[in-house]
């Protein structure tokens, strides 16, 4: 029996950080290091932050319910805290999720 893959696309808005080129490259690199199952990472500057889009071919061992909160609250929050210059308190908002 073949196990079905569960692809996923998550798009976030990260506000409260400096949207400079070095932070953009650093955040992209950190996310790549932290997420070994990610198939694409797109980090684009927006006003007072970044748009972050993450594509996954498969979310296992996670479920749909547990995957997005884990990415937002642990992976993305840690990467932003480590690699971005803050302008106040960083805020992460989910814009789109597709499973």
C-alpha atoms as a PDB file:
ATOM      1  CA  UNK A   1       0.000   0.000   0.000  1.00  0.00           C
ATOM      2  CA  UNK A   2       1.369   3.388  -0.996  1.00  0.00           C
ATOM      3  CA  UNK A   3       1.073   6.230   1.503  1.00  0.00           C
ATOM      4  CA  UNK A   4      -0.423   9.399   0.020  1.00  0.00           C
ATOM      5  CA  UNK A   5       1.746  12.511   0.267  1.00  0.00           C
ATOM      6  CA  UNK A   6       0.203  15.593   1.832  1.00  0.00           C
ATOM      7  CA  UNK A   7       1.555  18.727   0.091  1.00  0.00           C
ATOM      8  CA  UNK A   8       1.120  22.128   1.695  1.00  0.00           C
ATOM      9  CA  UNK A   9       1.558  25.836   0.946  1.00  0.00           C
ATOM     10  CA  UNK A  10       1.740  28.383   3.772  1.00  0.00           C
ATOM     11  CA  UNK A  11       1.977  32.137   3.266  1.00  0.00           C
ATOM     12  CA  UNK A  12       2.668  34.539   6.126  1.00  0.00           C
ATOM     13  CA  UNK A  13       3.043  38.239   6.680  1.00  0.00           C
ATOM     14  CA  UNK A  14       5.843  39.094   9.112  1.00  0.00           C
ATOM     15  CA  UNK A  15       5.640  42.664  10.446  1.00  0.00           C
ATOM     16  CA  UNK A  16       7.781  44.594  12.895  1.00  0.00           C
ATOM     17  CA  UNK A  17      11.145  43.771  11.305  1.00  0.00           C
ATOM     18  CA  UNK A  18      13.520  45.663   9.046  1.00  0.00           C
ATOM     19  CA  UNK A  19      12.991  44.565   5.444  1.00  0.00           C
ATOM     20  CA  UNK A  20      16.587  44.884   4.253  1.00  0.00           C
ATOM     21  CA  UNK A  21      18.457  42.580   1.883  1.00  0.00           C
ATOM     22  CA  UNK A  22      20.735  41.041   4.533  1.00  0.00           C
ATOM     23  CA  UNK A  23      17.761  40.141   6.776  1.00  0.00           C
ATOM     24  CA  UNK A  24      15.922  38.728   3.756  1.00  0.00           C
ATOM     25  CA  UNK A  25      18.865  36.489   2.800  1.00  0.00           C
ATOM     26  CA  UNK A  26      19.538  35.519   6.405  1.00  0.00           C
ATOM     27  CA  UNK A  27      15.879  34.620   7.075  1.00  0.00           C
ATOM     28  CA  UNK A  28      15.682  32.564   3.867  1.00  0.00           C
ATOM     29  CA  UNK A  29      18.870  30.689   4.777  1.00  0.00           C
ATOM     30  CA  UNK A  30      17.732  30.044   8.369  1.00  0.00           C
ATOM     31  CA  UNK A  31      14.365  28.684   7.211  1.00  0.00           C
ATOM     32  CA  UNK A  32      16.159  26.401   4.747  1.00  0.00           C
ATOM     33  CA  UNK A  33      18.348  25.064   7.568  1.00  0.00           C
ATOM     34  CA  UNK A  34      15.393  24.570   9.936  1.00  0.00           C
ATOM     35  CA  UNK A  35      12.986  22.996   7.435  1.00  0.00           C
ATOM     36  CA  UNK A  36      14.562  19.985   5.792  1.00  0.00           C
ATOM     37  CA  UNK A  37      11.327  18.981   3.996  1.00  0.00           C
ATOM     38  CA  UNK A  38      10.596  22.364   2.411  1.00  0.00           C
ATOM     39  CA  UNK A  39      10.534  22.366  -1.400  1.00  0.00           C
ATOM     40  CA  UNK A  40      10.456  26.167  -1.899  1.00  0.00           C
ATOM     41  CA  UNK A  41      11.032  29.252   0.257  1.00  0.00           C
ATOM     42  CA  UNK A  42      10.105  32.727  -0.972  1.00  0.00           C
ATOM     43  CA  UNK A  43      10.856  35.724   1.271  1.00  0.00           C
ATOM     44  CA  UNK A  44       9.894  39.099  -0.217  1.00  0.00           C
ATOM     45  CA  UNK A  45      10.126  42.550   1.378  1.00  0.00           C
ATOM     46  CA  UNK A  46       6.922  44.425   2.219  1.00  0.00           C
ATOM     47  CA  UNK A  47       6.350  47.594   4.243  1.00  0.00           C
ATOM     48  CA  UNK A  48       7.834  46.988   7.727  1.00  0.00           C
ATOM     49  CA  UNK A  49       8.472  43.313   7.134  1.00  0.00           C
ATOM     50  CA  UNK A  50       8.388  40.339   4.807  1.00  0.00           C
ATOM     51  CA  UNK A  51       6.001  38.093   2.957  1.00  0.00           C
ATOM     52  CA  UNK A  52       7.096  34.492   3.587  1.00  0.00           C
ATOM     53  CA  UNK A  53       5.815  31.646   1.426  1.00  0.00           C
ATOM     54  CA  UNK A  54       6.727  28.045   2.234  1.00  0.00           C
ATOM     55  CA  UNK A  55       5.933  25.063   0.008  1.00  0.00           C
ATOM     56  CA  UNK A  56       6.155  21.479   1.221  1.00  0.00           C
ATOM     57  CA  UNK A  57       5.844  18.268  -0.812  1.00  0.00           C
ATOM     58  CA  UNK A  58       4.766  16.376   2.292  1.00  0.00           C
ATOM     59  CA  UNK A  59       3.960  17.401   5.886  1.00  0.00           C
ATOM     60  CA  UNK A  60       4.445  14.028   7.552  1.00  0.00           C
ATOM     61  CA  UNK A  61       4.804  13.180  10.427  1.00  0.00           C
ATOM     62  CA  UNK A  62       2.445  16.121  11.127  1.00  0.00           C
ATOM     63  CA  UNK A  63      -1.305  16.374  10.583  1.00  0.00           C
ATOM     64  CA  UNK A  64      -3.057  19.325   8.928  1.00  0.00           C
ATOM     65  CA  UNK A  65      -4.204  20.540  12.360  1.00  0.00           C
ATOM     66  CA  UNK A  66      -0.758  20.512  14.005  1.00  0.00           C
ATOM     67  CA  UNK A  67       1.465  21.538  11.076  1.00  0.00           C
ATOM     68  CA  UNK A  68       0.609  25.229  10.572  1.00  0.00           C
ATOM     69  CA  UNK A  69       0.753  26.203  14.288  1.00  0.00           C
ATOM     70  CA  UNK A  70       4.110  24.416  14.603  1.00  0.00           C
ATOM     71  CA  UNK A  71       5.551  26.318  11.623  1.00  0.00           C
ATOM     72  CA  UNK A  72       4.202  29.723  12.776  1.00  0.00           C
ATOM     73  CA  UNK A  73       4.844  29.483  16.516  1.00  0.00           C
ATOM     74  CA  UNK A  74       8.141  27.616  16.517  1.00  0.00           C
ATOM     75  CA  UNK A  75      10.000  27.571  13.208  1.00  0.00           C
ATOM     76  CA  UNK A  76       9.108  30.957  11.699  1.00  0.00           C
ATOM     77  CA  UNK A  77       9.054  32.780  15.061  1.00  0.00           C
ATOM     78  CA  UNK A  78      12.506  31.400  15.961  1.00  0.00           C
ATOM     79  CA  UNK A  79      13.949  32.244  12.531  1.00  0.00           C
ATOM     80  CA  UNK A  80      12.576  35.810  12.720  1.00  0.00           C
ATOM     81  CA  UNK A  81      13.970  36.295  16.232  1.00  0.00           C
ATOM     82  CA  UNK A  82      17.378  34.942  15.212  1.00  0.00           C
ATOM     83  CA  UNK A  83      17.828  36.609  11.824  1.00  0.00           C
ATOM     84  CA  UNK A  84      15.787  39.829  11.603  1.00  0.00           C
ATOM     85  CA  UNK A  85      16.332  43.287  13.080  1.00  0.00           C
ATOM     86  CA  UNK A  86      13.226  44.111  15.077  1.00  0.00           C
ATOM     87  CA  UNK A  87      11.227  47.344  14.881  1.00  0.00           C
ATOM     88  CA  UNK A  88       9.068  46.777  17.930  1.00  0.00           C
ATOM     89  CA  UNK A  89       7.508  43.362  18.489  1.00  0.00           C
ATOM     90  CA  UNK A  90       7.470  41.073  15.425  1.00  0.00           C
ATOM     91  CA  UNK A  91       4.026  39.859  14.397  1.00  0.00           C
ATOM     92  CA  UNK A  92       3.329  36.797  12.261  1.00  0.00           C
ATOM     93  CA  UNK A  93       0.021  36.549  10.419  1.00  0.00           C
ATOM     94  CA  UNK A  94      -1.128  33.599   8.313  1.00  0.00           C
ATOM     95  CA  UNK A  95      -2.343  34.883   4.945  1.00  0.00           C
ATOM     96  CA  UNK A  96      -2.998  31.595   3.153  1.00  0.00           C
ATOM     97  CA  UNK A  97      -2.804  27.872   3.794  1.00  0.00           C
ATOM     98  CA  UNK A  98      -3.477  25.215   1.207  1.00  0.00           C
ATOM     99  CA  UNK A  99      -3.272  21.484   1.912  1.00  0.00           C
END
